[in-house]
Protein backbone atom coordinates (compact mmCIF):
# COMPACT_ATOMS: atom_id res chain seq x y z
CA MET A 1 -62.59 -65.23 -186.25
CA ASP A 2 -59.28 -67.09 -186.06
CA PHE A 3 -58.07 -68.83 -182.91
CA SER A 4 -54.57 -69.26 -181.53
CA LEU A 5 -52.82 -70.57 -178.42
CA PHE A 6 -50.71 -68.43 -176.09
CA ALA A 7 -48.49 -70.61 -173.90
CA HIS A 8 -45.24 -70.79 -171.93
CA MET A 9 -43.47 -73.11 -169.57
CA GLU A 10 -44.58 -71.98 -166.11
CA ARG A 11 -43.08 -73.23 -162.86
CA LEU A 12 -44.63 -72.22 -159.55
CA THR A 13 -42.92 -74.69 -157.18
CA PRO A 14 -39.39 -76.18 -157.11
CA ASP A 15 -40.69 -79.77 -157.28
CA GLN A 16 -41.81 -79.34 -160.92
CA ASP A 17 -39.40 -80.97 -163.37
CA TYR A 18 -38.21 -78.88 -166.34
CA ASP A 19 -38.35 -81.78 -168.77
CA THR A 20 -41.94 -82.59 -167.84
CA LEU A 21 -42.95 -78.94 -168.09
CA TYR A 22 -41.48 -78.64 -171.58
CA LYS A 23 -43.16 -81.84 -172.74
CA ASP A 24 -46.45 -80.51 -171.38
CA PHE A 25 -45.89 -77.26 -173.31
CA VAL A 26 -45.17 -79.14 -176.54
CA GLY A 27 -48.21 -81.34 -175.98
CA LEU A 28 -50.51 -78.32 -175.75
CA CYS A 29 -48.98 -76.86 -178.92
CA LYS A 30 -49.49 -80.11 -180.80
CA MET A 31 -53.13 -80.08 -179.73
CA ALA A 32 -53.47 -76.56 -181.12
CA ASP A 33 -51.94 -77.61 -184.45
CA GLU A 34 -54.01 -80.78 -184.80
CA GLY A 35 -57.14 -78.90 -183.73
CA GLY A 36 -56.86 -76.31 -186.52
CA MET A 37 -55.76 -73.25 -184.56
CA ARG A 38 -54.06 -70.58 -186.67
CA ALA A 39 -51.00 -69.83 -184.51
CA ILE A 40 -49.00 -70.53 -181.36
CA TRP A 41 -47.64 -67.54 -179.43
CA THR A 42 -44.86 -67.70 -176.84
CA GLY A 43 -42.98 -64.79 -175.36
CA GLU A 44 -39.74 -63.57 -173.82
CA HIS A 45 -38.97 -63.36 -170.11
CA HIS A 46 -35.78 -63.49 -168.06
CA GLY A 47 -34.93 -64.78 -164.60
CA MET A 48 -38.55 -65.68 -163.80
CA GLU A 49 -39.63 -69.28 -163.45
CA PHE A 50 -43.21 -67.98 -163.36
CA THR A 51 -42.81 -67.61 -167.15
CA MET A 52 -39.73 -69.32 -168.62
CA ALA A 53 -38.93 -68.00 -172.09
CA PRO A 54 -35.43 -66.48 -172.44
CA ASN A 55 -35.57 -66.61 -176.27
CA PRO A 56 -38.91 -67.40 -177.95
CA PHE A 57 -37.27 -68.36 -181.25
CA LEU A 58 -35.77 -71.49 -179.63
CA PRO A 59 -39.06 -73.20 -178.72
CA LEU A 60 -40.71 -71.95 -181.92
CA VAL A 61 -38.02 -73.58 -184.06
CA ASP A 62 -38.41 -76.78 -182.05
CA LEU A 63 -42.20 -76.65 -182.40
CA ALA A 64 -41.79 -76.55 -186.18
CA HIS A 65 -40.59 -80.17 -185.89
CA HIS A 66 -43.56 -81.20 -183.71
CA THR A 67 -46.30 -79.48 -185.75
CA LYS A 68 -47.37 -79.33 -189.39
CA ASN A 69 -49.40 -76.28 -190.31
CA ILE A 70 -49.72 -73.87 -187.41
CA ARG A 71 -48.06 -70.45 -187.53
CA LEU A 72 -45.36 -69.80 -184.90
CA GLY A 73 -45.31 -66.38 -183.26
CA THR A 74 -43.36 -64.46 -180.66
CA GLY A 75 -45.87 -63.19 -178.17
CA THR A 76 -43.83 -61.08 -177.58
CA VAL A 77 -40.14 -60.22 -177.86
CA ILE A 78 -39.19 -57.37 -175.53
CA ALA A 79 -37.83 -54.67 -177.82
CA PRO A 80 -35.43 -52.89 -175.42
CA PHE A 81 -33.55 -56.14 -174.85
CA TRP A 82 -32.65 -56.42 -178.56
CA HIS A 83 -30.60 -54.63 -181.20
CA PRO A 84 -32.59 -54.30 -184.45
CA ILE A 85 -29.91 -56.01 -186.58
CA ARG A 86 -29.85 -58.98 -184.21
CA LEU A 87 -33.65 -59.22 -184.03
CA ALA A 88 -34.03 -58.97 -187.81
CA GLY A 89 -31.43 -61.68 -188.33
CA GLU A 90 -32.74 -64.10 -185.70
CA ALA A 91 -36.34 -63.68 -186.88
CA ALA A 92 -35.26 -64.28 -190.48
CA ALA A 93 -33.19 -67.32 -189.50
CA ALA A 94 -36.17 -68.76 -187.61
CA ASP A 95 -38.33 -68.06 -190.65
CA GLN A 96 -35.87 -70.02 -192.81
CA ILE A 97 -35.73 -72.97 -190.42
CA THR A 98 -39.53 -73.13 -190.05
CA ALA A 99 -40.18 -72.77 -193.81
CA GLY A 100 -41.84 -69.38 -193.49
CA ARG A 101 -44.10 -69.90 -190.46
CA ILE A 102 -42.80 -67.13 -188.15
CA GLU A 103 -44.82 -64.14 -186.98
CA LEU A 104 -43.15 -61.45 -184.89
CA GLY A 105 -44.94 -59.92 -181.90
CA ILE A 106 -43.09 -57.02 -180.27
CA ALA A 107 -43.69 -55.22 -176.97
CA ARG A 108 -41.94 -52.73 -174.72
CA GLY A 109 -42.05 -55.15 -171.76
CA ALA A 110 -43.90 -54.83 -168.47
CA TYR A 111 -41.86 -56.16 -165.54
CA SER A 112 -39.51 -53.75 -163.75
CA TYR A 113 -37.89 -56.91 -162.33
CA GLU A 114 -36.59 -57.64 -165.85
CA TYR A 115 -35.74 -54.03 -166.72
CA GLU A 116 -33.45 -53.62 -163.70
CA ARG A 117 -31.55 -56.79 -164.62
CA MET A 118 -31.40 -56.56 -168.41
CA VAL A 119 -31.14 -52.76 -168.90
CA PRO A 120 -30.55 -51.08 -165.53
CA GLY A 121 -32.26 -47.71 -165.26
CA LEU A 122 -34.75 -48.42 -168.03
CA ASP A 123 -38.31 -47.18 -167.50
CA ALA A 124 -41.50 -48.06 -169.38
CA TRP A 125 -41.60 -44.80 -171.38
CA THR A 126 -38.04 -45.19 -172.66
CA ALA A 127 -38.70 -48.87 -173.42
CA GLY A 128 -41.66 -47.82 -175.54
CA GLN A 129 -39.57 -45.27 -177.42
CA ARG A 130 -36.92 -47.89 -178.17
CA MET A 131 -39.64 -50.19 -179.53
CA ARG A 132 -40.99 -47.45 -181.78
CA GLU A 133 -37.56 -46.79 -183.22
CA MET A 134 -36.76 -50.48 -183.66
CA ALA A 135 -39.89 -52.00 -185.18
CA PRO A 136 -39.96 -49.97 -188.44
CA LEU A 137 -36.31 -50.87 -189.03
CA LEU A 138 -37.03 -54.59 -189.30
CA PRO A 139 -38.73 -54.60 -192.74
CA ARG A 140 -35.97 -52.31 -194.00
CA LEU A 141 -33.27 -54.69 -192.75
CA TRP A 142 -35.06 -57.64 -194.34
CA ALA A 143 -35.22 -55.71 -197.63
CA GLY A 144 -31.50 -55.00 -197.29
CA ASP A 145 -29.00 -52.14 -197.34
CA CYS A 146 -30.58 -50.26 -194.44
CA ASP A 147 -28.64 -47.55 -192.63
CA HIS A 148 -29.93 -45.67 -189.62
CA GLU A 149 -29.09 -42.77 -187.31
CA GLY A 150 -31.53 -42.49 -184.43
CA ALA A 151 -31.92 -41.72 -180.74
CA PHE A 152 -31.13 -45.27 -179.61
CA PHE A 153 -29.54 -47.05 -182.59
CA ALA A 154 -27.04 -46.05 -185.25
CA PHE A 155 -25.46 -48.28 -187.88
CA PRO A 156 -24.14 -48.11 -191.46
CA SER A 157 -25.79 -49.90 -194.38
CA THR A 158 -26.72 -53.41 -193.24
CA SER A 159 -28.77 -56.30 -194.61
CA SER A 160 -30.40 -59.07 -192.63
CA ALA A 161 -28.49 -62.31 -193.06
CA PRO A 162 -30.21 -64.55 -193.85
CA LYS A 163 -33.24 -63.05 -195.56
CA PRO A 164 -36.64 -64.33 -194.42
CA VAL A 165 -38.63 -66.81 -196.49
CA GLN A 166 -41.80 -64.73 -196.37
CA ARG A 167 -41.95 -61.90 -198.85
CA GLY A 168 -41.54 -58.67 -196.92
CA GLY A 169 -40.62 -60.65 -193.82
CA PRO A 170 -42.69 -62.17 -191.02
CA PRO A 171 -45.91 -60.30 -190.16
CA ILE A 172 -45.31 -57.88 -187.29
CA TRP A 173 -47.70 -57.49 -184.35
CA ILE A 174 -47.42 -54.66 -181.81
CA ALA A 175 -48.67 -55.11 -178.25
CA ALA A 176 -50.78 -52.00 -177.74
CA ARG A 177 -52.84 -50.47 -174.95
CA ASP A 178 -52.85 -46.66 -175.06
CA PRO A 179 -54.13 -44.77 -178.13
CA ASN A 180 -50.62 -43.68 -179.17
CA SER A 181 -49.48 -47.31 -179.40
CA HIS A 182 -52.46 -48.17 -181.59
CA GLU A 183 -51.71 -45.17 -183.81
CA PHE A 184 -48.04 -46.18 -184.10
CA ALA A 185 -48.93 -49.73 -185.12
CA VAL A 186 -51.58 -48.75 -187.66
CA LYS A 187 -49.43 -45.98 -189.18
CA ASN A 188 -46.66 -48.50 -189.86
CA GLY A 189 -48.97 -51.20 -191.20
CA PHE A 190 -48.39 -53.51 -188.22
CA ASN A 191 -51.04 -55.78 -186.74
CA VAL A 192 -52.16 -55.16 -183.14
CA GLN A 193 -52.32 -57.48 -180.14
CA VAL A 194 -54.28 -56.33 -177.08
CA THR A 195 -55.09 -57.88 -173.72
CA PRO A 196 -57.58 -56.71 -171.09
CA LEU A 197 -55.67 -58.84 -168.53
CA TRP A 198 -57.99 -59.30 -165.51
CA GLN A 199 -60.51 -56.71 -166.74
CA GLY A 200 -63.83 -57.47 -168.40
CA MET A 201 -66.06 -56.51 -171.29
CA ASP A 202 -65.74 -52.74 -170.82
CA GLU A 203 -61.99 -52.98 -171.36
CA VAL A 204 -62.40 -55.39 -174.30
CA THR A 205 -64.69 -52.81 -175.92
CA SER A 206 -62.41 -49.87 -175.06
CA LEU A 207 -59.38 -51.57 -176.62
CA MET A 208 -61.31 -52.07 -179.85
CA ASP A 209 -62.45 -48.44 -179.77
CA ARG A 210 -58.82 -47.29 -179.54
CA PHE A 211 -57.88 -49.50 -182.49
CA THR A 212 -60.83 -48.29 -184.58
CA ALA A 213 -60.00 -44.65 -183.86
CA ALA A 214 -56.41 -45.25 -184.95
CA CYS A 215 -57.57 -46.89 -188.19
CA ASP A 216 -60.02 -44.06 -188.90
CA GLY A 217 -57.30 -41.49 -188.24
CA GLN A 218 -54.75 -43.09 -190.56
CA GLY A 219 -56.84 -44.33 -193.47
CA GLY A 220 -55.41 -47.02 -195.73
CA PRO A 221 -55.68 -50.79 -195.25
CA ARG A 222 -56.92 -51.98 -191.87
CA PRO A 223 -54.41 -54.26 -190.11
CA LYS A 224 -55.55 -57.20 -187.98
CA ILE A 225 -56.31 -57.05 -184.27
CA MET A 226 -55.96 -59.98 -181.88
CA LEU A 227 -57.44 -60.26 -178.40
CA LEU A 228 -55.36 -62.17 -175.86
CA GLN A 229 -57.26 -63.34 -172.77
CA HIS A 230 -57.26 -66.13 -170.24
CA ALA A 231 -59.81 -68.77 -171.18
CA TYR A 232 -61.23 -71.91 -169.62
CA VAL A 233 -63.97 -74.14 -170.99
CA GLY A 234 -65.41 -76.13 -168.11
CA ALA A 235 -67.13 -79.49 -168.09
CA ASP A 236 -69.82 -78.00 -165.81
CA ASP A 237 -70.43 -75.07 -163.47
CA ASP A 238 -68.51 -76.68 -160.59
CA ASP A 239 -65.48 -77.22 -162.83
CA VAL A 240 -65.57 -73.57 -163.92
CA ALA A 241 -65.68 -72.46 -160.27
CA VAL A 242 -62.56 -74.51 -159.53
CA ALA A 243 -60.80 -72.90 -162.51
CA ALA A 244 -61.76 -69.43 -161.27
CA ARG A 245 -60.05 -70.11 -157.94
CA GLU A 246 -56.96 -71.36 -159.77
CA ILE A 247 -56.73 -68.30 -162.01
CA SER A 248 -57.19 -66.04 -158.97
CA ARG A 249 -54.05 -67.59 -157.50
CA TYR A 250 -52.24 -67.11 -160.84
CA TYR A 251 -53.11 -63.39 -160.94
CA ALA A 252 -52.00 -62.95 -157.33
CA TYR A 253 -48.53 -64.11 -158.41
CA PHE A 254 -48.72 -62.02 -161.58
CA PHE A 255 -49.33 -58.87 -159.50
CA ALA A 256 -46.58 -59.83 -157.06
CA TRP A 257 -44.07 -60.12 -159.91
CA PHE A 258 -45.33 -56.87 -161.45
CA LYS A 259 -44.96 -54.92 -158.18
CA ASN A 260 -41.40 -56.26 -157.81
CA GLU A 261 -41.46 -55.93 -154.03
CA ARG A 262 -41.39 -59.57 -152.89
CA PRO A 263 -38.23 -61.64 -152.32
CA VAL A 264 -37.16 -63.93 -155.17
CA SER A 265 -34.89 -66.95 -154.78
CA GLN A 266 -33.79 -69.35 -157.52
CA GLY A 267 -36.16 -67.63 -159.93
CA LEU A 268 -39.19 -68.31 -157.71
CA ILE A 269 -41.06 -65.59 -155.85
CA LYS A 270 -41.71 -66.07 -152.13
CA SER A 271 -44.92 -68.06 -151.76
CA LEU A 272 -48.15 -66.16 -151.16
CA SER A 273 -50.47 -67.17 -148.34
CA GLN A 274 -54.15 -67.78 -148.98
CA ASP A 275 -54.94 -64.64 -146.99
CA GLU A 276 -52.66 -62.58 -149.25
CA ILE A 277 -54.32 -64.01 -152.35
CA ALA A 278 -57.79 -63.28 -150.97
CA ALA A 279 -56.85 -59.72 -149.98
CA ASN A 280 -57.04 -58.35 -153.55
CA PRO A 281 -60.69 -57.82 -154.60
CA MET A 282 -59.68 -57.18 -158.23
CA ILE A 283 -58.83 -60.87 -158.62
CA ALA A 284 -61.59 -62.44 -156.58
CA PRO A 285 -62.60 -65.77 -158.21
CA GLU A 286 -66.19 -64.70 -158.82
CA LYS A 287 -65.01 -61.49 -160.54
CA LEU A 288 -62.53 -63.30 -162.78
CA GLN A 289 -65.11 -65.94 -163.66
CA ARG A 290 -67.35 -63.10 -164.85
CA ASP A 291 -64.72 -61.03 -166.65
CA LEU A 292 -62.44 -63.63 -168.29
CA LEU A 293 -63.48 -66.12 -170.98
CA PHE A 294 -64.45 -68.67 -168.36
CA GLY A 295 -67.57 -70.79 -168.63
CA THR A 296 -69.22 -73.86 -170.03
CA LYS A 297 -69.35 -74.43 -173.79
CA GLN A 298 -72.30 -72.18 -174.63
CA GLU A 299 -71.22 -69.41 -172.28
CA VAL A 300 -67.82 -69.26 -173.97
CA ILE A 301 -69.37 -69.32 -177.46
CA ASP A 302 -71.74 -66.50 -176.57
CA ARG A 303 -68.92 -64.30 -175.23
CA LEU A 304 -66.72 -64.99 -178.27
CA LYS A 305 -69.60 -64.02 -180.57
CA ARG A 306 -69.64 -60.65 -178.83
CA TYR A 307 -65.89 -60.29 -179.45
CA GLU A 308 -66.39 -61.21 -183.09
CA ASP A 309 -69.19 -58.67 -183.45
CA LEU A 310 -66.89 -55.98 -182.05
CA GLY A 311 -64.47 -56.68 -184.91
CA TYR A 312 -61.71 -58.81 -183.42
CA ASP A 313 -59.95 -60.88 -186.09
CA GLU A 314 -58.33 -63.39 -183.76
CA PHE A 315 -58.74 -64.70 -180.23
CA ALA A 316 -55.64 -66.01 -178.45
CA PHE A 317 -56.45 -68.61 -175.78
CA TRP A 318 -54.11 -67.74 -172.89
CA VAL A 319 -53.53 -71.11 -171.25
CA ASP A 320 -50.93 -70.07 -168.64
CA SER A 321 -52.87 -70.37 -165.40
CA GLY A 322 -51.02 -72.38 -162.75
CA MET A 323 -53.37 -75.31 -163.44
CA ASP A 324 -51.97 -78.79 -163.83
CA SER A 325 -51.36 -80.14 -167.31
CA ALA A 326 -54.40 -82.42 -167.33
CA ARG A 327 -56.77 -79.52 -166.59
CA LYS A 328 -55.18 -77.33 -169.26
CA ARG A 329 -55.47 -80.11 -171.83
CA ALA A 330 -59.09 -80.85 -170.95
CA SER A 331 -60.10 -77.21 -171.26
CA LEU A 332 -58.22 -76.76 -174.56
CA ALA A 333 -59.78 -79.96 -175.94
CA ARG A 334 -63.26 -78.67 -175.13
CA PHE A 335 -62.40 -75.33 -176.76
CA ILE A 336 -61.23 -77.06 -179.95
CA ASP A 337 -63.97 -79.69 -180.11
CA ASP A 338 -66.99 -77.80 -178.74
CA VAL A 339 -66.35 -74.06 -179.22
CA MET A 340 -64.35 -73.53 -182.41
CA PRO A 341 -66.84 -75.38 -184.68
CA ALA A 342 -69.40 -72.65 -183.87
CA PHE A 343 -67.19 -70.19 -185.80
CA GLN A 344 -66.44 -72.21 -188.91
């Protein structure tokens, strides 16, 4: 099993300084590179200081100058916010600048808050259809002289300029949940990225079952599948319990953004009270501690072994959590030093 880091700049209160947050982000990515992780993933979001990432290619290109070997992936670009010619060109340019280290994760997007600002009237189904029309065009644009007449895009013969360094272009990963998304990815030879979010082992198993069924239905080479999940390696049981309370607060804000019902000012959502956080049993600390990859060294190793046995090729350590930088770094250091060696 390979391991990667999934990270963004996250700002929960107005007193946090942008420069410090970015340096913290770079510091975590350097740890991942020096610790032998395979890739760094960072995504795309707009108008939300909860997750600041208006163009993932910008930090990835910068990270190429702070790291040596690690792959640099978009986790993920939001397909309906892009034109395929622009996405093919920017991905190829980033691949040139980073000497062929780019990987391209693509999703339909999840936040209606972003849809109503970037593409008013867009819904999740239409966003998914736009993604399915766009993604197969990218390898054709990288190959050159691609023309297209579709439901959402139409253009005469066009070639990506520049061309990517990697033969065939950067590897493409599709964020998938429902069986149709798995089938689409596998049919087109794309890798798959899944996340159970706040859910536990049953969902981890179900996501793999959907991927396996898609592979069995298509035949041909099996693409890779990556599991993205929040993780925390604690120094002891008390430390893990503290982390569980912190991630419960994070998910309370995640749900508030997702519901898109709460006032937002200066990119920050109106603060949640402790009573509001505690009111959602789905994100109770004890439940999240059980269902996420939270635990001491051996507990985390044992859970990852189960993921490996299911057939996952890669685990992405989701470090966004609302925790302070020191706690993120300590957990990631324990993951690199104490957990990853068990899989070498």
